[in-house]
C-alpha atoms as a PDB file:
ATOM      1  CA  MET A   1      45.126  53.300 144.127  1.00  0.00           C
ATOM      2  CA  PRO A   2      44.702  55.349 140.912  1.00  0.00           C
ATOM      3  CA  GLN A   3      47.270  58.049 140.201  1.00  0.00           C
ATOM      4  CA  ALA A   4      46.134  61.630 139.773  1.00  0.00           C
ATOM      5  CA  VAL A   5      46.702  63.047 136.314  1.00  0.00           C
ATOM      6  CA  LYS A   6      48.799  66.168 136.590  1.00  0.00           C
ATOM      7  CA  ALA A   7      48.308  69.147 134.317  1.00  0.00           C
ATOM      8  CA  PRO A   8      50.876  69.616 131.539  1.00  0.00           C
ATOM      9  CA  LEU A   9      53.251  72.562 131.724  1.00  0.00           C
ATOM     10  CA  ASP A  10      52.490  75.586 129.588  1.00  0.00           C
ATOM     11  CA  ALA A  11      55.193  76.990 127.266  1.00  0.00           C
ATOM     12  CA  ASP A  12      56.702  79.371 129.843  1.00  0.00           C
ATOM     13  CA  GLU A  13      56.710  76.745 132.585  1.00  0.00           C
ATOM     14  CA  GLU A  14      58.286  74.190 130.253  1.00  0.00           C
ATOM     15  CA  ARG A  15      60.994  76.619 129.075  1.00  0.00           C
ATOM     16  CA  VAL A  16      61.944  77.646 132.621  1.00  0.00           C
ATOM     17  CA  THR A  17      61.877  74.061 133.903  1.00  0.00           C
ATOM     18  CA  ARG A  18      64.093  72.779 131.089  1.00  0.00           C
ATOM     19  CA  ALA A  19      66.531  75.653 131.599  1.00  0.00           C
ATOM     20  CA  GLN A  20      66.664  75.068 135.342  1.00  0.00           C
ATOM     21  CA  ARG A  21      67.460  71.381 134.850  1.00  0.00           C
ATOM     22  CA  LEU A  22      70.119  72.182 132.248  1.00  0.00           C
ATOM     23  CA  LEU A  23      71.751  74.859 134.392  1.00  0.00           C
ATOM     24  CA  ILE A  24      71.815  72.628 137.478  1.00  0.00           C
ATOM     25  CA  HIS A  25      73.413  69.882 135.359  1.00  0.00           C
ATOM     26  CA  LEU A  26      75.966  72.308 133.889  1.00  0.00           C
ATOM     27  CA  GLY A  27      76.712  73.786 137.310  1.00  0.00           C
ATOM     28  CA  ALA A  28      77.396  70.339 138.730  1.00  0.00           C
ATOM     29  CA  ALA A  29      79.577  69.511 135.727  1.00  0.00           C
ATOM     30  CA  LEU A  30      81.573  72.719 136.220  1.00  0.00           C
ATOM     31  CA  VAL A  31      82.143  71.860 139.874  1.00  0.00           C
ATOM     32  CA  SER A  32      83.304  68.325 139.130  1.00  0.00           C
ATOM     33  CA  GLN A  33      85.310  69.203 135.997  1.00  0.00           C
ATOM     34  CA  PRO A  34      85.852  72.972 135.935  1.00  0.00           C
ATOM     35  CA  PHE A  35      87.984  72.968 132.769  1.00  0.00           C
ATOM     36  CA  ASP A  36      85.821  70.713 130.596  1.00  0.00           C
ATOM     37  CA  THR A  37      85.491  72.552 127.285  1.00  0.00           C
ATOM     38  CA  HIS A  38      82.300  70.696 126.297  1.00  0.00           C
ATOM     39  CA  THR A  39      80.534  71.988 129.425  1.00  0.00           C
ATOM     40  CA  HIS A  40      81.764  75.511 128.761  1.00  0.00           C
ATOM     41  CA  ASP A  41      80.530  75.290 125.165  1.00  0.00           C
ATOM     42  CA  ARG A  42      77.089  74.096 126.284  1.00  0.00           C
ATOM     43  CA  LEU A  43      76.850  76.963 128.779  1.00  0.00           C
ATOM     44  CA  ARG A  44      77.942  79.520 126.171  1.00  0.00           C
ATOM     45  CA  THR A  45      75.383  78.151 123.729  1.00  0.00           C
ATOM     46  CA  PHE A  46      72.619  78.392 126.316  1.00  0.00           C
ATOM     47  CA  LEU A  47      73.579  81.961 127.198  1.00  0.00           C
ATOM     48  CA  ALA A  48      73.790  83.027 123.540  1.00  0.00           C
ATOM     49  CA  ASP A  49      70.746  81.202 122.179  1.00  0.00           C
ATOM     50  CA  ASP A  50      68.253  80.537 124.970  1.00  0.00           C
ATOM     51  CA  ALA A  51      68.831  82.721 128.017  1.00  0.00           C
ATOM     52  CA  ASP A  52      66.815  85.717 126.777  1.00  0.00           C
ATOM     53  CA  ASP A  53      63.738  83.577 126.065  1.00  0.00           C
ATOM     54  CA  VAL A  54      64.054  81.817 129.410  1.00  0.00           C
ATOM     55  CA  LEU A  55      64.336  85.119 131.262  1.00  0.00           C
ATOM     56  CA  ALA A  56      61.269  86.434 129.421  1.00  0.00           C
ATOM     57  CA  SER A  57      59.342  83.292 130.416  1.00  0.00           C
ATOM     58  CA  LEU A  58      60.514  83.624 134.005  1.00  0.00           C
ATOM     59  CA  ASP A  59      59.359  87.238 134.042  1.00  0.00           C
ATOM     60  CA  ALA A  60      55.964  86.194 132.619  1.00  0.00           C
ATOM     61  CA  LEU A  61      55.605  83.580 135.379  1.00  0.00           C
ATOM     62  CA  ARG A  62      56.532  86.126 138.035  1.00  0.00           C
ATOM     63  CA  GLN A  63      53.891  88.538 136.731  1.00  0.00           C
ATOM     64  CA  ARG A  64      51.050  86.096 137.365  1.00  0.00           C
ATOM     65  CA  PRO A  65      48.730  87.059 140.237  1.00  0.00           C
ATOM     66  CA  GLU A  66      49.163  85.115 143.473  1.00  0.00           C
ATOM     67  CA  ALA A  67      45.759  83.436 143.175  1.00  0.00           C
ATOM     68  CA  GLU A  68      46.626  82.197 139.683  1.00  0.00           C
ATOM     69  CA  LEU A  69      49.997  80.911 140.895  1.00  0.00           C
ATOM     70  CA  ARG A  70      48.390  79.048 143.794  1.00  0.00           C
ATOM     71  CA  GLN A  71      45.836  77.501 141.446  1.00  0.00           C
ATOM     72  CA  ARG A  72      48.546  76.473 139.011  1.00  0.00           C
ATOM     73  CA  ILE A  73      50.691  74.947 141.758  1.00  0.00           C
ATOM     74  CA  ALA A  74      47.681  72.968 142.930  1.00  0.00           C
ATOM     75  CA  GLU A  75      47.008  71.727 139.385  1.00  0.00           C
ATOM     76  CA  LEU A  76      50.617  70.682 138.909  1.00  0.00           C
ATOM     77  CA  ALA A  77      50.864  69.064 142.338  1.00  0.00           C
ATOM     78  CA  GLY A  78      47.570  67.243 141.884  1.00  0.00           C
ATOM     79  CA  HIS A  79      45.907  68.547 145.051  1.00  0.00           C
ATOM     80  CA  ARG A  80      44.246  71.638 146.492  1.00  0.00           C
ATOM     81  CA  LEU A  81      46.166  74.202 148.527  1.00  0.00           C
ATOM     82  CA  MET A  82      44.625  75.961 151.501  1.00  0.00           C
ATOM     83  CA  LEU A  83      44.809  79.746 151.691  1.00  0.00           C
ATOM     84  CA  HIS A  84      47.777  79.927 154.097  1.00  0.00           C
ATOM     85  CA  GLY A  85      49.968  77.242 152.567  1.00  0.00           C
ATOM     86  CA  GLY A  86      48.502  74.044 154.042  1.00  0.00           C
ATOM     87  CA  THR A  87      47.022  71.319 151.873  1.00  0.00           C
ATOM     88  CA  ALA A  88      43.458  70.159 151.749  1.00  0.00           C
END
Protein backbone atom coordinates (compact mmCIF):
# COMPACT_ATOMS: atom_id res chain seq x y z
CA MET A 1 0.00 0.00 0.00
CA PRO A 2 1.60 3.33 -1.03
CA GLN A 3 2.07 5.96 1.67
CA ALA A 4 0.48 9.36 1.25
CA VAL A 5 2.94 12.21 0.91
CA LYS A 6 2.24 14.76 3.60
CA ALA A 7 2.66 18.47 3.03
CA PRO A 8 5.75 20.10 4.55
CA LEU A 9 5.31 22.53 7.42
CA ASP A 10 5.49 26.23 6.66
CA ALA A 11 7.87 28.46 8.66
CA ASP A 12 5.37 29.30 11.42
CA GLU A 13 4.23 25.70 11.78
CA GLU A 14 7.83 24.48 11.90
CA ARG A 15 8.85 27.08 14.51
CA VAL A 16 5.90 26.29 16.79
CA THR A 17 6.32 22.53 16.39
CA ARG A 18 10.04 22.64 17.20
CA ALA A 19 9.39 24.85 20.22
CA GLN A 20 6.63 22.58 21.48
CA ARG A 21 8.89 19.52 21.25
CA LEU A 22 11.73 21.36 22.99
CA LEU A 23 9.51 22.66 25.78
CA ILE A 24 7.95 19.24 26.39
CA HIS A 25 11.46 17.75 26.56
CA LEU A 26 12.66 20.50 28.93
CA GLY A 27 9.54 20.17 31.08
CA ALA A 28 10.09 16.44 31.44
CA ALA A 29 13.76 17.04 32.26
CA LEU A 30 12.81 19.57 34.94
CA VAL A 31 10.41 17.08 36.51
CA SER A 32 12.95 14.27 36.56
CA GLN A 33 15.94 16.44 37.54
CA PRO A 34 14.63 19.78 38.83
CA PHE A 35 18.07 21.18 39.72
CA ASP A 36 19.93 20.28 36.52
CA THR A 37 21.73 23.47 35.50
CA HIS A 38 22.05 22.41 31.85
CA THR A 39 18.25 22.14 31.55
CA HIS A 40 17.81 25.52 33.21
CA ASP A 41 20.35 27.05 30.83
CA ARG A 42 18.57 25.60 27.79
CA LEU A 43 15.24 26.97 29.02
CA ARG A 44 16.74 30.41 29.70
CA THR A 45 18.29 30.43 26.24
CA PHE A 46 14.98 29.53 24.62
CA LEU A 47 13.14 32.24 26.57
CA ALA A 48 15.77 34.88 25.76
CA ASP A 49 16.44 34.02 22.12
CA ASP A 50 13.45 32.21 20.63
CA ALA A 51 10.27 32.69 22.65
CA ASP A 52 9.24 35.99 21.03
CA ASP A 53 9.49 34.54 17.51
CA VAL A 54 7.62 31.41 18.54
CA LEU A 55 4.84 33.44 20.13
CA ALA A 56 4.57 35.57 16.98
CA SER A 57 4.31 32.40 14.87
CA LEU A 58 1.70 30.97 17.22
CA ASP A 59 -0.30 34.19 16.95
CA ALA A 60 -0.04 34.05 13.14
CA LEU A 61 -1.35 30.46 13.17
CA ARG A 62 -4.22 31.43 15.46
CA GLN A 63 -5.21 34.26 13.12
CA ARG A 64 -5.83 31.91 10.20
CA PRO A 65 -9.50 31.50 9.24
CA GLU A 66 -11.16 28.25 10.31
CA ALA A 67 -11.57 27.03 6.73
CA GLU A 68 -7.85 27.54 6.08
CA LEU A 69 -6.97 25.72 9.31
CA ARG A 70 -9.19 22.77 8.41
CA GLN A 71 -7.64 22.59 4.94
CA ARG A 72 -4.15 22.73 6.39
CA ILE A 73 -4.90 20.02 8.95
CA ALA A 74 -6.23 17.83 6.16
CA GLU A 75 -3.08 18.42 4.09
CA LEU A 76 -0.82 17.60 7.01
CA ALA A 77 -2.85 14.55 8.04
CA GLY A 78 -3.02 13.27 4.48
CA HIS A 79 -6.82 13.00 4.30
CA ARG A 80 -9.95 15.11 3.92
CA LEU A 81 -11.92 16.35 6.92
CA MET A 82 -15.70 16.57 6.88
CA LEU A 83 -17.36 19.81 7.92
CA HIS A 84 -18.23 18.74 11.49
CA GLY A 85 -14.98 17.01 12.41
CA GLY A 86 -15.43 13.55 10.88
CA THR A 87 -13.11 12.21 8.20
CA ALA A 88 -13.94 11.37 4.65
